[in-house]
Amino acid sequence: MRHSALIASAVLLTTSGLGVSAVAKESRPNIDESNMMRFCQGEVAAKYSVSSRDISTLPVERKGSNYRVYGQTPAEGDNAMFFYCEYNQHREFDGVTMTSDKRSASGGGSAKDSVEVENMARYCTGMAAEKFNQSPRYISSNEPTRQSNGTYMVYGQYNESSTFTQVFTCTFNSNGVFKGVKKI
């Protein structure tokens, strides 16, 4: 008797649309990996009230079983907001996280998230690719070095021409927040 009552309740919840898993699954579509960059741009544009044309993203990366898309707005320069979009293992969008915002005259750098030390070289490569208009596959970055003041520095390079190699550095504060990239 109790078993049939449980089945009837489950059927009623499912058919009425009150089943939590059915509603949650419906509201979070799976995003194909080839569309994650574009989807991320749309979410950032809506969340921060910027034009999607002013958003630049890097290719999709795997982070454990999840997916991540790094980017910035505006697409060029140091005075930008840097962010990443996160997707779970089912390719469902989990949200946008701002890593730093240098758009205001207040000096910016207020971070909601930091870059883990083991990811700093890859993050630096992506930011250098954007700033210097290079493909990330032609940029090499060394492992980060911790400075005496607690900050981190990543050295990198790319071939600007067949006879000239450009060297650059990325800096991160002591909490791992990306501060900038510049040629040296």
C-alpha atoms as a PDB file:
ATOM      1  CA  MET A   1       0.000   0.000   0.000  1.00  0.00           C
ATOM      2  CA  ARG A   2       2.763   2.437   1.001  1.00  0.00           C
ATOM      3  CA  HIS A   3       4.759   1.502  -2.147  1.00  0.00           C
ATOM      4  CA  SER A   4       1.879   2.404  -4.476  1.00  0.00           C
ATOM      5  CA  ALA A   5       1.388   5.734  -2.670  1.00  0.00           C
ATOM      6  CA  LEU A   6       5.053   6.612  -3.267  1.00  0.00           C
ATOM      7  CA  ILE A   7       4.771   5.730  -6.955  1.00  0.00           C
ATOM      8  CA  ALA A   8       1.613   7.822  -7.282  1.00  0.00           C
ATOM      9  CA  SER A   9       3.381  10.795  -5.637  1.00  0.00           C
ATOM     10  CA  ALA A  10       6.372  10.460  -7.949  1.00  0.00           C
ATOM     11  CA  VAL A  11       4.111  10.279 -11.016  1.00  0.00           C
ATOM     12  CA  LEU A  12       2.157  13.321  -9.833  1.00  0.00           C
ATOM     13  CA  LEU A  13       5.356  15.365  -9.258  1.00  0.00           C
ATOM     14  CA  THR A  14       6.816  14.392 -12.623  1.00  0.00           C
ATOM     15  CA  THR A  15       3.682  15.032 -14.665  1.00  0.00           C
ATOM     16  CA  SER A  16       2.926  18.313 -12.887  1.00  0.00           C
ATOM     17  CA  GLY A  17       6.374  19.697 -13.714  1.00  0.00           C
ATOM     18  CA  LEU A  18       7.348  19.933 -10.039  1.00  0.00           C
ATOM     19  CA  GLY A  19      10.046  17.261 -10.249  1.00  0.00           C
ATOM     20  CA  VAL A  20      13.244  19.076  -9.306  1.00  0.00           C
ATOM     21  CA  SER A  21      15.554  17.145 -11.584  1.00  0.00           C
ATOM     22  CA  ALA A  22      13.275  17.573 -14.609  1.00  0.00           C
ATOM     23  CA  VAL A  23      12.983  21.337 -14.069  1.00  0.00           C
ATOM     24  CA  ALA A  24      16.712  21.769 -13.384  1.00  0.00           C
ATOM     25  CA  LYS A  25      17.634  19.765 -16.494  1.00  0.00           C
ATOM     26  CA  GLU A  26      15.225  21.782 -18.672  1.00  0.00           C
ATOM     27  CA  SER A  27      16.509  25.164 -17.527  1.00  0.00           C
ATOM     28  CA  ARG A  28      20.214  24.401 -18.088  1.00  0.00           C
ATOM     29  CA  PRO A  29      20.918  23.307 -21.659  1.00  0.00           C
ATOM     30  CA  ASN A  30      24.096  21.475 -22.588  1.00  0.00           C
ATOM     31  CA  ILE A  31      26.352  23.837 -24.537  1.00  0.00           C
ATOM     32  CA  ASP A  32      28.421  22.259 -27.291  1.00  0.00           C
ATOM     33  CA  GLU A  33      32.135  22.913 -26.756  1.00  0.00           C
ATOM     34  CA  SER A  34      32.331  24.711 -30.123  1.00  0.00           C
ATOM     35  CA  ASN A  35      29.703  27.233 -28.881  1.00  0.00           C
ATOM     36  CA  MET A  36      31.067  27.853 -25.371  1.00  0.00           C
ATOM     37  CA  MET A  37      33.112  30.937 -26.334  1.00  0.00           C
ATOM     38  CA  ARG A  38      30.133  32.621 -28.036  1.00  0.00           C
ATOM     39  CA  PHE A  39      27.756  31.644 -25.214  1.00  0.00           C
ATOM     40  CA  CYS A  40      30.216  33.081 -22.675  1.00  0.00           C
ATOM     41  CA  GLN A  41      30.397  36.368 -24.592  1.00  0.00           C
ATOM     42  CA  GLY A  42      26.607  36.634 -24.507  1.00  0.00           C
ATOM     43  CA  GLU A  43      26.454  35.953 -20.766  1.00  0.00           C
ATOM     44  CA  VAL A  44      29.193  38.503 -20.023  1.00  0.00           C
ATOM     45  CA  ALA A  45      27.501  41.093 -22.250  1.00  0.00           C
ATOM     46  CA  ALA A  46      24.224  40.637 -20.367  1.00  0.00           C
ATOM     47  CA  LYS A  47      25.721  40.507 -16.868  1.00  0.00           C
ATOM     48  CA  TYR A  48      28.052  43.523 -17.200  1.00  0.00           C
ATOM     49  CA  SER A  49      26.083  45.576 -19.765  1.00  0.00           C
ATOM     50  CA  VAL A  50      28.767  45.623 -22.456  1.00  0.00           C
ATOM     51  CA  SER A  51      28.581  44.935 -26.177  1.00  0.00           C
ATOM     52  CA  SER A  52      29.533  41.393 -27.173  1.00  0.00           C
ATOM     53  CA  ARG A  53      31.712  42.981 -29.895  1.00  0.00           C
ATOM     54  CA  ASP A  54      33.868  44.436 -27.094  1.00  0.00           C
ATOM     55  CA  ILE A  55      34.518  41.045 -25.504  1.00  0.00           C
ATOM     56  CA  SER A  56      37.485  38.874 -26.365  1.00  0.00           C
ATOM     57  CA  THR A  57      37.707  35.233 -25.265  1.00  0.00           C
ATOM     58  CA  LEU A  58      40.375  32.565 -25.427  1.00  0.00           C
ATOM     59  CA  PRO A  59      39.755  28.992 -26.586  1.00  0.00           C
ATOM     60  CA  VAL A  60      37.941  26.583 -24.267  1.00  0.00           C
ATOM     61  CA  GLU A  61      40.173  24.872 -21.694  1.00  0.00           C
ATOM     62  CA  ARG A  62      39.547  21.757 -19.611  1.00  0.00           C
ATOM     63  CA  LYS A  63      39.889  22.255 -15.848  1.00  0.00           C
ATOM     64  CA  GLY A  64      39.510  18.829 -14.299  1.00  0.00           C
ATOM     65  CA  SER A  65      36.190  17.539 -15.574  1.00  0.00           C
ATOM     66  CA  ASN A  66      34.887  21.083 -16.155  1.00  0.00           C
ATOM     67  CA  TYR A  67      35.332  23.556 -19.009  1.00  0.00           C
ATOM     68  CA  ARG A  68      36.569  27.152 -18.701  1.00  0.00           C
ATOM     69  CA  VAL A  69      36.683  30.141 -21.096  1.00  0.00           C
ATOM     70  CA  TYR A  70      38.905  33.112 -20.145  1.00  0.00           C
ATOM     71  CA  GLY A  71      38.343  36.587 -21.538  1.00  0.00           C
ATOM     72  CA  GLN A  72      38.357  40.334 -21.140  1.00  0.00           C
ATOM     73  CA  THR A  73      36.360  43.429 -21.996  1.00  0.00           C
ATOM     74  CA  PRO A  74      37.172  45.689 -23.732  1.00  0.00           C
ATOM     75  CA  ALA A  75      39.000  43.363 -26.085  1.00  0.00           C
ATOM     76  CA  GLU A  76      42.220  45.428 -26.132  1.00  0.00           C
ATOM     77  CA  GLY A  77      44.414  47.043 -23.496  1.00  0.00           C
ATOM     78  CA  ASP A  78      45.251  46.824 -19.812  1.00  0.00           C
ATOM     79  CA  ASN A  79      42.275  48.885 -18.606  1.00  0.00           C
ATOM     80  CA  ALA A  80      39.897  45.969 -18.862  1.00  0.00           C
ATOM     81  CA  MET A  81      37.766  43.611 -16.858  1.00  0.00           C
ATOM     82  CA  PHE A  82      39.101  40.045 -16.880  1.00  0.00           C
ATOM     83  CA  PHE A  83      36.803  37.076 -16.303  1.00  0.00           C
ATOM     84  CA  TYR A  84      36.171  33.425 -16.962  1.00  0.00           C
ATOM     85  CA  CYS A  85      33.059  31.404 -17.723  1.00  0.00           C
ATOM     86  CA  GLU A  86      32.688  27.984 -16.122  1.00  0.00           C
ATOM     87  CA  TYR A  87      30.826  24.947 -17.502  1.00  0.00           C
ATOM     88  CA  ASN A  88      30.367  21.697 -15.574  1.00  0.00           C
ATOM     89  CA  GLN A  89      31.180  18.168 -16.777  1.00  0.00           C
ATOM     90  CA  HIS A  90      27.754  17.996 -18.467  1.00  0.00           C
ATOM     91  CA  ARG A  91      28.604  21.175 -20.440  1.00  0.00           C
ATOM     92  CA  GLU A  92      25.994  23.179 -18.500  1.00  0.00           C
ATOM     93  CA  PHE A  93      26.817  26.848 -17.920  1.00  0.00           C
ATOM     94  CA  ASP A  94      27.694  27.466 -14.241  1.00  0.00           C
ATOM     95  CA  GLY A  95      28.390  31.198 -14.379  1.00  0.00           C
ATOM     96  CA  VAL A  96      30.821  34.067 -14.952  1.00  0.00           C
ATOM     97  CA  THR A  97      33.551  34.962 -12.462  1.00  0.00           C
ATOM     98  CA  MET A  98      35.313  38.317 -12.657  1.00  0.00           C
ATOM     99  CA  THR A  99      39.014  37.973 -11.796  1.00  0.00           C
ATOM    100  CA  SER A 100      39.901  41.679 -11.882  1.00  0.00           C
ATOM    101  CA  ASP A 101      38.443  44.964 -13.063  1.00  0.00           C
ATOM    102  CA  LYS A 102      40.801  47.724 -14.150  1.00  0.00           C
ATOM    103  CA  ARG A 103      38.245  49.761 -16.097  1.00  0.00           C
ATOM    104  CA  SER A 104      37.748  52.472 -13.474  1.00  0.00           C
ATOM    105  CA  ALA A 105      40.114  55.293 -12.562  1.00  0.00           C
ATOM    106  CA  SER A 106      40.213  53.973  -8.991  1.00  0.00           C
ATOM    107  CA  GLY A 107      43.091  51.674  -9.830  1.00  0.00           C
ATOM    108  CA  GLY A 108      40.965  48.567 -10.219  1.00  0.00           C
ATOM    109  CA  GLY A 109      42.364  45.222  -9.326  1.00  0.00           C
ATOM    110  CA  SER A 110      39.502  44.295  -7.038  1.00  0.00           C
ATOM    111  CA  ALA A 111      39.478  40.572  -7.502  1.00  0.00           C
ATOM    112  CA  LYS A 112      36.809  38.046  -6.817  1.00  0.00           C
ATOM    113  CA  ASP A 113      39.044  35.149  -7.800  1.00  0.00           C
ATOM    114  CA  SER A 114      42.716  34.429  -8.163  1.00  0.00           C
ATOM    115  CA  VAL A 115      44.723  32.298 -10.565  1.00  0.00           C
ATOM    116  CA  GLU A 116      46.215  29.184  -9.010  1.00  0.00           C
ATOM    117  CA  VAL A 117      50.037  29.103  -9.169  1.00  0.00           C
ATOM    118  CA  GLU A 118      50.010  25.996 -11.382  1.00  0.00           C
ATOM    119  CA  ASN A 119      47.783  27.832 -13.913  1.00  0.00           C
ATOM    120  CA  MET A 120      49.658  31.154 -14.007  1.00  0.00           C
ATOM    121  CA  ALA A 121      51.864  30.293 -17.012  1.00  0.00           C
ATOM    122  CA  ARG A 122      48.869  29.234 -19.106  1.00  0.00           C
ATOM    123  CA  TYR A 123      46.839  32.262 -17.998  1.00  0.00           C
ATOM    124  CA  CYS A 124      49.790  34.522 -18.853  1.00  0.00           C
ATOM    125  CA  THR A 125      50.052  32.952 -22.312  1.00  0.00           C
ATOM    126  CA  GLY A 126      46.380  33.714 -22.939  1.00  0.00           C
ATOM    127  CA  MET A 127      46.589  37.295 -21.755  1.00  0.00           C
ATOM    128  CA  ALA A 128      49.781  37.905 -23.777  1.00  0.00           C
ATOM    129  CA  ALA A 129      48.121  36.435 -26.863  1.00  0.00           C
ATOM    130  CA  GLU A 130      45.278  38.903 -26.499  1.00  0.00           C
ATOM    131  CA  LYS A 131      47.402  41.947 -25.748  1.00  0.00           C
ATOM    132  CA  PHE A 132      50.039  41.341 -28.428  1.00  0.00           C
ATOM    133  CA  ASN A 133      47.654  39.906 -31.045  1.00  0.00           C
ATOM    134  CA  GLN A 134      49.422  36.543 -31.250  1.00  0.00           C
ATOM    135  CA  SER A 135      48.204  32.970 -31.382  1.00  0.00           C
ATOM    136  CA  PRO A 136      48.664  31.251 -27.983  1.00  0.00           C
ATOM    137  CA  ARG A 137      50.291  28.268 -29.686  1.00  0.00           C
ATOM    138  CA  TYR A 138      53.261  30.453 -30.741  1.00  0.00           C
ATOM    139  CA  ILE A 139      53.838  31.823 -27.239  1.00  0.00           C
ATOM    140  CA  SER A 140      55.911  30.081 -24.599  1.00  0.00           C
ATOM    141  CA  SER A 141      55.715  30.974 -20.925  1.00  0.00           C
ATOM    142  CA  ASN A 142      57.922  29.803 -18.076  1.00  0.00           C
ATOM    143  CA  GLU A 143      56.704  28.632 -14.700  1.00  0.00           C
ATOM    144  CA  PRO A 144      55.949  31.480 -12.249  1.00  0.00           C
ATOM    145  CA  THR A 145      58.606  32.693  -9.844  1.00  0.00           C
ATOM    146  CA  ARG A 146      57.697  34.088  -6.451  1.00  0.00           C
ATOM    147  CA  GLN A 147      59.294  37.483  -5.841  1.00  0.00           C
ATOM    148  CA  SER A 148      60.731  38.632  -2.492  1.00  0.00           C
ATOM    149  CA  ASN A 149      57.641  40.810  -1.910  1.00  0.00           C
ATOM    150  CA  GLY A 150      55.308  37.805  -2.301  1.00  0.00           C
ATOM    151  CA  THR A 151      54.094  38.618  -5.825  1.00  0.00           C
ATOM    152  CA  TYR A 152      54.519  36.285  -8.803  1.00  0.00           C
ATOM    153  CA  MET A 153      56.149  36.893 -12.169  1.00  0.00           C
ATOM    154  CA  VAL A 154      55.925  34.813 -15.337  1.00  0.00           C
ATOM    155  CA  TYR A 155      58.411  35.343 -18.182  1.00  0.00           C
ATOM    156  CA  GLY A 156      57.366  34.509 -21.708  1.00  0.00           C
ATOM    157  CA  GLN A 157      58.325  35.028 -25.316  1.00  0.00           C
ATOM    158  CA  TYR A 158      57.144  34.814 -28.912  1.00  0.00           C
ATOM    159  CA  ASN A 159      58.759  35.377 -32.308  1.00  0.00           C
ATOM    160  CA  GLU A 160      57.766  38.794 -33.560  1.00  0.00           C
ATOM    161  CA  SER A 161      59.636  38.163 -36.816  1.00  0.00           C
ATOM    162  CA  SER A 162      62.094  35.610 -38.177  1.00  0.00           C
ATOM    163  CA  THR A 163      64.947  37.608 -36.622  1.00  0.00           C
ATOM    164  CA  PHE A 164      63.418  39.027 -33.417  1.00  0.00           C
ATOM    165  CA  THR A 165      62.074  37.294 -30.302  1.00  0.00           C
ATOM    166  CA  GLN A 166      59.914  39.471 -28.062  1.00  0.00           C
ATOM    167  CA  VAL A 167      60.161  38.829 -24.317  1.00  0.00           C
ATOM    168  CA  PHE A 168      57.384  39.826 -21.895  1.00  0.00           C
ATOM    169  CA  THR A 169      56.384  39.429 -18.262  1.00  0.00           C
ATOM    170  CA  CYS A 170      53.083  38.828 -16.549  1.00  0.00           C
ATOM    171  CA  THR A 171      52.653  39.907 -12.955  1.00  0.00           C
ATOM    172  CA  PHE A 172      50.298  38.544 -10.307  1.00  0.00           C
ATOM    173  CA  ASN A 173      49.812  39.930  -6.820  1.00  0.00           C
ATOM    174  CA  SER A 174      50.523  37.871  -3.698  1.00  0.00           C
ATOM    175  CA  ASN A 175      46.968  36.477  -3.831  1.00  0.00           C
ATOM    176  CA  GLY A 176      47.429  35.276  -7.424  1.00  0.00           C
ATOM    177  CA  VAL A 177      45.334  38.028  -9.010  1.00  0.00           C
ATOM    178  CA  PHE A 178      46.538  38.910 -12.529  1.00  0.00           C
ATOM    179  CA  LYS A 179      47.862  42.496 -12.609  1.00  0.00           C
ATOM    180  CA  GLY A 180      49.168  42.870 -16.166  1.00  0.00           C
ATOM    181  CA  VAL A 181      51.426  41.850 -19.012  1.00  0.00           C
ATOM    182  CA  LYS A 182      54.121  44.004 -20.626  1.00  0.00           C
ATOM    183  CA  LYS A 183      56.986  43.739 -23.104  1.00  0.00           C
ATOM    184  CA  ILE A 184      60.505  43.956 -21.750  1.00  0.00           C
END
